[in-house]
Amino acid sequence: MTDTVLKIDYNELPVTDMAAAKAFYAKAFGWTFLDYGPAYAAFENAGIDGGLRLEDKPFPTGALILLRAEDIIDAERRVEAAGGSITLREDYPGGRRFLFTDPSGNQLGIYSEHGKYG
């Protein structure tokens, strides 16, 4: 079964200091966190699911918008057929995802809880 419409499902914020970021968002907005190791913390109570992703330096495009797909291979084909460029494919605990740029250079991602690349 393929997705007819991929919807925004998740939002990642790149951070350079995980502890400081968690303290900020908890104090400013009341968010709570579920840690997935030292480099990732999912946030809750934010209106849309998302996470803080540890980076070595500020991420040039800011937040990473993620769409969810049942069939990630079909989603890859659709992105490329529409003129997007896949920049990264990776497995993560619980699934796999790919990042891509649109024709304007915006970076987004699509993830699936089904299978692994590797």
N, C-alpha and C. Protein backbone atom coordinates (compact mmCIF):
# COMPACT_ATOMS: atom_id res chain seq x y z
N MET A 1 0.84 -1.18 0.00
CA MET A 1 0.00 0.00 0.00
C MET A 1 0.89 1.24 0.00
N THR A 2 0.61 2.18 -0.88
CA THR A 2 1.41 3.40 -0.93
C THR A 2 0.61 4.55 -0.35
N ASP A 3 1.33 5.54 0.11
CA ASP A 3 0.69 6.73 0.66
C ASP A 3 0.22 7.61 -0.49
N THR A 4 -0.99 8.12 -0.41
CA THR A 4 -1.44 9.05 -1.43
C THR A 4 -1.04 10.47 -1.05
N VAL A 5 -1.02 10.76 0.24
CA VAL A 5 -0.62 12.08 0.72
C VAL A 5 0.32 11.87 1.89
N LEU A 6 1.50 12.46 1.81
CA LEU A 6 2.42 12.42 2.94
C LEU A 6 2.21 13.70 3.74
N LYS A 7 1.98 13.55 5.03
CA LYS A 7 1.69 14.69 5.88
C LYS A 7 2.83 14.95 6.84
N ILE A 8 3.01 16.23 7.19
CA ILE A 8 4.00 16.57 8.20
C ILE A 8 3.63 15.87 9.49
N ASP A 9 4.60 15.16 10.06
CA ASP A 9 4.32 14.33 11.21
C ASP A 9 5.27 14.58 12.37
N TYR A 10 6.42 15.18 12.12
CA TYR A 10 7.46 15.26 13.14
C TYR A 10 8.36 16.44 12.83
N ASN A 11 8.95 17.04 13.84
CA ASN A 11 9.80 18.19 13.68
C ASN A 11 11.03 18.02 14.55
N GLU A 12 12.22 18.14 13.98
CA GLU A 12 13.44 18.03 14.76
C GLU A 12 14.14 19.37 14.84
N LEU A 13 14.61 19.70 16.03
CA LEU A 13 15.37 20.92 16.24
C LEU A 13 16.82 20.55 16.51
N PRO A 14 17.75 21.01 15.69
CA PRO A 14 19.15 20.74 15.95
C PRO A 14 19.64 21.62 17.10
N VAL A 15 20.40 21.04 18.01
CA VAL A 15 20.92 21.78 19.16
C VAL A 15 22.40 21.46 19.33
N THR A 16 23.15 22.39 19.87
CA THR A 16 24.57 22.17 20.11
C THR A 16 24.87 21.84 21.57
N ASP A 17 23.91 22.03 22.45
CA ASP A 17 24.07 21.70 23.87
C ASP A 17 22.75 21.09 24.34
N MET A 18 22.72 19.76 24.44
CA MET A 18 21.48 19.06 24.75
C MET A 18 20.90 19.48 26.10
N ALA A 19 21.73 19.53 27.13
CA ALA A 19 21.24 19.88 28.47
C ALA A 19 20.66 21.29 28.49
N ALA A 20 21.34 22.23 27.88
CA ALA A 20 20.85 23.62 27.85
C ALA A 20 19.55 23.72 27.06
N ALA A 21 19.48 22.99 25.93
CA ALA A 21 18.27 23.04 25.11
C ALA A 21 17.08 22.46 25.87
N LYS A 22 17.28 21.31 26.51
CA LYS A 22 16.19 20.70 27.27
C LYS A 22 15.74 21.62 28.40
N ALA A 23 16.69 22.23 29.09
CA ALA A 23 16.33 23.16 30.18
C ALA A 23 15.55 24.35 29.64
N PHE A 24 15.96 24.89 28.52
CA PHE A 24 15.27 26.02 27.92
C PHE A 24 13.84 25.68 27.55
N TYR A 25 13.64 24.62 26.79
CA TYR A 25 12.30 24.27 26.33
C TYR A 25 11.39 23.80 27.46
N ALA A 26 11.95 23.18 28.46
CA ALA A 26 11.16 22.79 29.62
C ALA A 26 10.68 24.02 30.38
N LYS A 27 11.59 24.96 30.60
CA LYS A 27 11.25 26.16 31.37
C LYS A 27 10.34 27.10 30.57
N ALA A 28 10.66 27.30 29.29
CA ALA A 28 9.91 28.26 28.49
C ALA A 28 8.53 27.75 28.10
N PHE A 29 8.41 26.45 27.80
CA PHE A 29 7.16 25.94 27.23
C PHE A 29 6.56 24.75 27.96
N GLY A 30 7.25 24.23 28.97
CA GLY A 30 6.72 23.09 29.72
C GLY A 30 6.87 21.76 29.01
N TRP A 31 7.76 21.68 28.01
CA TRP A 31 7.96 20.42 27.30
C TRP A 31 8.63 19.40 28.21
N THR A 32 8.33 18.14 28.00
CA THR A 32 9.02 17.05 28.67
C THR A 32 9.75 16.24 27.60
N PHE A 33 10.67 15.38 28.03
CA PHE A 33 11.55 14.72 27.07
C PHE A 33 11.68 13.23 27.35
N LEU A 34 11.89 12.48 26.29
CA LEU A 34 12.19 11.06 26.36
C LEU A 34 13.52 10.87 25.64
N ASP A 35 14.57 10.53 26.41
CA ASP A 35 15.91 10.42 25.85
C ASP A 35 16.10 9.12 25.08
N TYR A 36 16.76 9.24 23.93
CA TYR A 36 17.18 8.09 23.12
C TYR A 36 18.69 8.17 22.98
N GLY A 37 19.38 8.03 24.09
CA GLY A 37 20.83 8.18 24.12
C GLY A 37 21.21 9.63 24.33
N PRO A 38 22.52 9.92 24.32
CA PRO A 38 22.98 11.28 24.62
C PRO A 38 22.77 12.29 23.50
N ALA A 39 22.49 11.82 22.28
CA ALA A 39 22.42 12.73 21.13
C ALA A 39 21.00 12.98 20.62
N TYR A 40 19.98 12.43 21.33
CA TYR A 40 18.61 12.63 20.85
C TYR A 40 17.63 12.59 22.00
N ALA A 41 16.72 13.53 22.01
CA ALA A 41 15.65 13.56 23.01
C ALA A 41 14.35 13.94 22.33
N ALA A 42 13.38 13.04 22.35
CA ALA A 42 12.06 13.35 21.79
C ALA A 42 11.36 14.31 22.75
N PHE A 43 10.63 15.29 22.20
CA PHE A 43 9.88 16.18 23.09
C PHE A 43 8.40 15.87 23.04
N GLU A 44 7.76 16.15 24.16
CA GLU A 44 6.33 15.90 24.32
C GLU A 44 5.67 17.18 24.83
N ASN A 45 4.36 17.24 24.74
CA ASN A 45 3.58 18.40 25.19
C ASN A 45 3.85 19.64 24.35
N ALA A 46 4.20 19.47 23.08
CA ALA A 46 4.56 20.61 22.23
C ALA A 46 3.53 20.88 21.13
N GLY A 47 2.47 20.09 21.05
CA GLY A 47 1.47 20.28 20.01
C GLY A 47 1.71 19.41 18.80
N ILE A 48 2.96 19.19 18.44
CA ILE A 48 3.34 18.27 17.38
C ILE A 48 4.55 17.50 17.91
N ASP A 49 4.63 16.23 17.58
CA ASP A 49 5.76 15.43 18.05
C ASP A 49 7.05 15.91 17.40
N GLY A 50 8.13 15.74 18.14
CA GLY A 50 9.41 16.13 17.60
C GLY A 50 10.53 15.74 18.52
N GLY A 51 11.71 16.24 18.22
CA GLY A 51 12.86 15.90 19.03
C GLY A 51 13.97 16.91 18.91
N LEU A 52 14.90 16.85 19.87
CA LEU A 52 16.11 17.64 19.84
C LEU A 52 17.23 16.72 19.36
N ARG A 53 17.95 17.15 18.34
CA ARG A 53 19.02 16.34 17.75
C ARG A 53 20.34 17.06 17.96
N LEU A 54 21.28 16.42 18.64
CA LEU A 54 22.57 17.02 18.94
C LEU A 54 23.43 17.11 17.68
N GLU A 55 23.96 18.30 17.43
CA GLU A 55 24.85 18.56 16.29
C GLU A 55 26.13 19.21 16.81
N ASP A 56 27.22 19.05 16.07
CA ASP A 56 28.49 19.67 16.46
C ASP A 56 28.50 21.17 16.30
N LYS A 57 27.74 21.66 15.34
CA LYS A 57 27.67 23.10 15.07
C LYS A 57 26.24 23.43 14.67
N PRO A 58 25.87 24.70 14.68
CA PRO A 58 24.51 25.07 14.29
C PRO A 58 24.16 24.50 12.92
N PHE A 59 22.96 24.01 12.81
CA PHE A 59 22.48 23.39 11.58
C PHE A 59 22.05 24.49 10.62
N PRO A 60 22.56 24.52 9.40
CA PRO A 60 22.33 25.66 8.51
C PRO A 60 20.87 25.93 8.15
N THR A 61 20.03 24.91 8.12
CA THR A 61 18.65 25.14 7.70
C THR A 61 17.68 25.19 8.88
N GLY A 62 18.18 25.12 10.10
CA GLY A 62 17.28 25.17 11.26
C GLY A 62 16.52 23.89 11.46
N ALA A 63 15.24 24.01 11.80
CA ALA A 63 14.42 22.84 12.10
C ALA A 63 14.30 21.91 10.90
N LEU A 64 14.19 20.63 11.19
CA LEU A 64 14.02 19.62 10.15
C LEU A 64 12.58 19.11 10.22
N ILE A 65 11.81 19.37 9.18
CA ILE A 65 10.44 18.89 9.09
C ILE A 65 10.47 17.47 8.53
N LEU A 66 9.76 16.56 9.21
CA LEU A 66 9.72 15.17 8.78
C LEU A 66 8.30 14.75 8.44
N LEU A 67 8.17 14.04 7.33
CA LEU A 67 6.91 13.44 6.93
C LEU A 67 7.01 11.95 7.18
N ARG A 68 5.87 11.31 7.42
CA ARG A 68 5.87 9.87 7.69
C ARG A 68 5.31 9.14 6.48
N ALA A 69 5.94 8.01 6.14
CA ALA A 69 5.51 7.21 5.01
C ALA A 69 5.36 5.76 5.42
N GLU A 70 4.34 5.12 4.91
CA GLU A 70 4.22 3.67 5.07
C GLU A 70 5.22 2.97 4.16
N ASP A 71 5.35 3.47 2.93
CA ASP A 71 6.23 2.87 1.93
C ASP A 71 7.33 3.88 1.60
N ILE A 72 8.47 3.75 2.26
CA ILE A 72 9.53 4.74 2.10
C ILE A 72 10.19 4.67 0.73
N ILE A 73 10.23 3.50 0.12
CA ILE A 73 10.81 3.38 -1.22
C ILE A 73 9.95 4.14 -2.24
N ASP A 74 8.64 4.02 -2.11
CA ASP A 74 7.74 4.78 -2.97
C ASP A 74 7.93 6.28 -2.74
N ALA A 75 8.09 6.68 -1.49
CA ALA A 75 8.30 8.09 -1.17
C ALA A 75 9.60 8.60 -1.79
N GLU A 76 10.66 7.79 -1.76
CA GLU A 76 11.92 8.18 -2.40
C GLU A 76 11.71 8.41 -3.90
N ARG A 77 11.02 7.49 -4.54
CA ARG A 77 10.77 7.62 -5.98
C ARG A 77 9.98 8.90 -6.27
N ARG A 78 8.99 9.18 -5.45
CA ARG A 78 8.17 10.37 -5.66
C ARG A 78 8.98 11.64 -5.50
N VAL A 79 9.85 11.69 -4.47
CA VAL A 79 10.68 12.87 -4.25
C VAL A 79 11.60 13.10 -5.45
N GLU A 80 12.26 12.05 -5.91
CA GLU A 80 13.18 12.20 -7.04
C GLU A 80 12.44 12.54 -8.33
N ALA A 81 11.30 11.93 -8.56
CA ALA A 81 10.52 12.22 -9.77
C ALA A 81 10.02 13.66 -9.80
N ALA A 82 9.83 14.25 -8.61
CA ALA A 82 9.35 15.63 -8.53
C ALA A 82 10.49 16.65 -8.59
N GLY A 83 11.74 16.18 -8.65
CA GLY A 83 12.87 17.09 -8.76
C GLY A 83 13.66 17.27 -7.48
N GLY A 84 13.36 16.50 -6.44
CA GLY A 84 14.12 16.58 -5.20
C GLY A 84 15.38 15.73 -5.28
N SER A 85 16.33 16.01 -4.39
CA SER A 85 17.59 15.26 -4.35
C SER A 85 17.75 14.65 -2.97
N ILE A 86 17.90 13.34 -2.93
CA ILE A 86 18.12 12.64 -1.65
C ILE A 86 19.56 12.87 -1.23
N THR A 87 19.73 13.33 0.01
CA THR A 87 21.07 13.67 0.51
C THR A 87 21.58 12.69 1.56
N LEU A 88 20.70 11.90 2.17
CA LEU A 88 21.11 10.97 3.22
C LEU A 88 20.04 9.90 3.39
N ARG A 89 20.48 8.66 3.53
CA ARG A 89 19.60 7.56 3.93
C ARG A 89 20.19 6.98 5.21
N GLU A 90 19.35 6.76 6.22
CA GLU A 90 19.89 6.22 7.47
C GLU A 90 18.85 5.41 8.22
N ASP A 91 19.36 4.43 8.97
CA ASP A 91 18.54 3.66 9.90
C ASP A 91 18.60 4.36 11.25
N TYR A 92 17.56 4.20 12.03
CA TYR A 92 17.54 4.72 13.41
C TYR A 92 16.78 3.71 14.24
N PRO A 93 16.89 3.78 15.57
CA PRO A 93 16.13 2.83 16.40
C PRO A 93 14.63 2.95 16.09
N GLY A 94 14.08 1.91 15.54
CA GLY A 94 12.65 1.92 15.24
C GLY A 94 12.29 2.14 13.79
N GLY A 95 13.27 2.29 12.89
CA GLY A 95 12.91 2.49 11.50
C GLY A 95 14.04 3.02 10.65
N ARG A 96 13.67 3.74 9.61
CA ARG A 96 14.64 4.33 8.70
C ARG A 96 14.08 5.64 8.16
N ARG A 97 14.99 6.47 7.63
CA ARG A 97 14.56 7.74 7.06
C ARG A 97 15.54 8.19 6.01
N PHE A 98 15.09 9.14 5.20
CA PHE A 98 16.00 9.79 4.27
C PHE A 98 15.76 11.29 4.34
N LEU A 99 16.82 12.03 4.08
CA LEU A 99 16.74 13.48 4.00
C LEU A 99 16.86 13.85 2.53
N PHE A 100 16.23 14.96 2.17
CA PHE A 100 16.28 15.41 0.78
C PHE A 100 16.19 16.91 0.73
N THR A 101 16.60 17.46 -0.40
CA THR A 101 16.41 18.88 -0.64
C THR A 101 15.39 19.04 -1.76
N ASP A 102 14.57 20.06 -1.62
CA ASP A 102 13.62 20.38 -2.68
C ASP A 102 14.33 21.26 -3.71
N PRO A 103 13.67 21.60 -4.82
CA PRO A 103 14.34 22.41 -5.84
C PRO A 103 14.84 23.78 -5.35
N SER A 104 14.30 24.28 -4.23
CA SER A 104 14.76 25.56 -3.69
C SER A 104 15.89 25.40 -2.67
N GLY A 105 16.28 24.14 -2.38
CA GLY A 105 17.35 23.90 -1.42
C GLY A 105 16.90 23.67 0.01
N ASN A 106 15.59 23.67 0.26
CA ASN A 106 15.08 23.38 1.60
C ASN A 106 15.31 21.91 1.91
N GLN A 107 15.77 21.62 3.13
CA GLN A 107 15.98 20.23 3.52
C GLN A 107 14.80 19.74 4.36
N LEU A 108 14.27 18.58 4.00
CA LEU A 108 13.21 17.91 4.73
C LEU A 108 13.59 16.44 4.84
N GLY A 109 12.78 15.68 5.57
CA GLY A 109 13.03 14.26 5.70
C GLY A 109 11.73 13.48 5.64
N ILE A 110 11.85 12.21 5.32
CA ILE A 110 10.72 11.29 5.35
C ILE A 110 11.18 10.05 6.10
N TYR A 111 10.35 9.60 7.03
CA TYR A 111 10.71 8.42 7.81
C TYR A 111 9.63 7.37 7.73
N SER A 112 10.04 6.14 8.04
CA SER A 112 9.12 5.02 8.09
C SER A 112 9.52 4.12 9.24
N GLU A 113 8.53 3.58 9.89
CA GLU A 113 8.78 2.64 10.98
C GLU A 113 8.93 1.22 10.45
N HIS A 114 8.91 1.07 9.12
CA HIS A 114 8.96 -0.24 8.49
C HIS A 114 10.33 -0.50 7.87
N GLY A 115 11.03 -1.48 8.39
CA GLY A 115 12.28 -1.94 7.80
C GLY A 115 13.48 -1.08 8.10
N LYS A 116 14.57 -1.46 7.47
CA LYS A 116 15.86 -0.77 7.59
C LYS A 116 16.50 -0.71 6.22
N TYR A 117 17.39 0.25 6.01
CA TYR A 117 18.17 0.30 4.78
C TYR A 117 19.26 -0.76 4.81
N GLY A 118 19.97 -0.84 5.96
CA GLY A 118 21.12 -1.72 6.06
C GLY A 118 20.69 -3.09 6.39
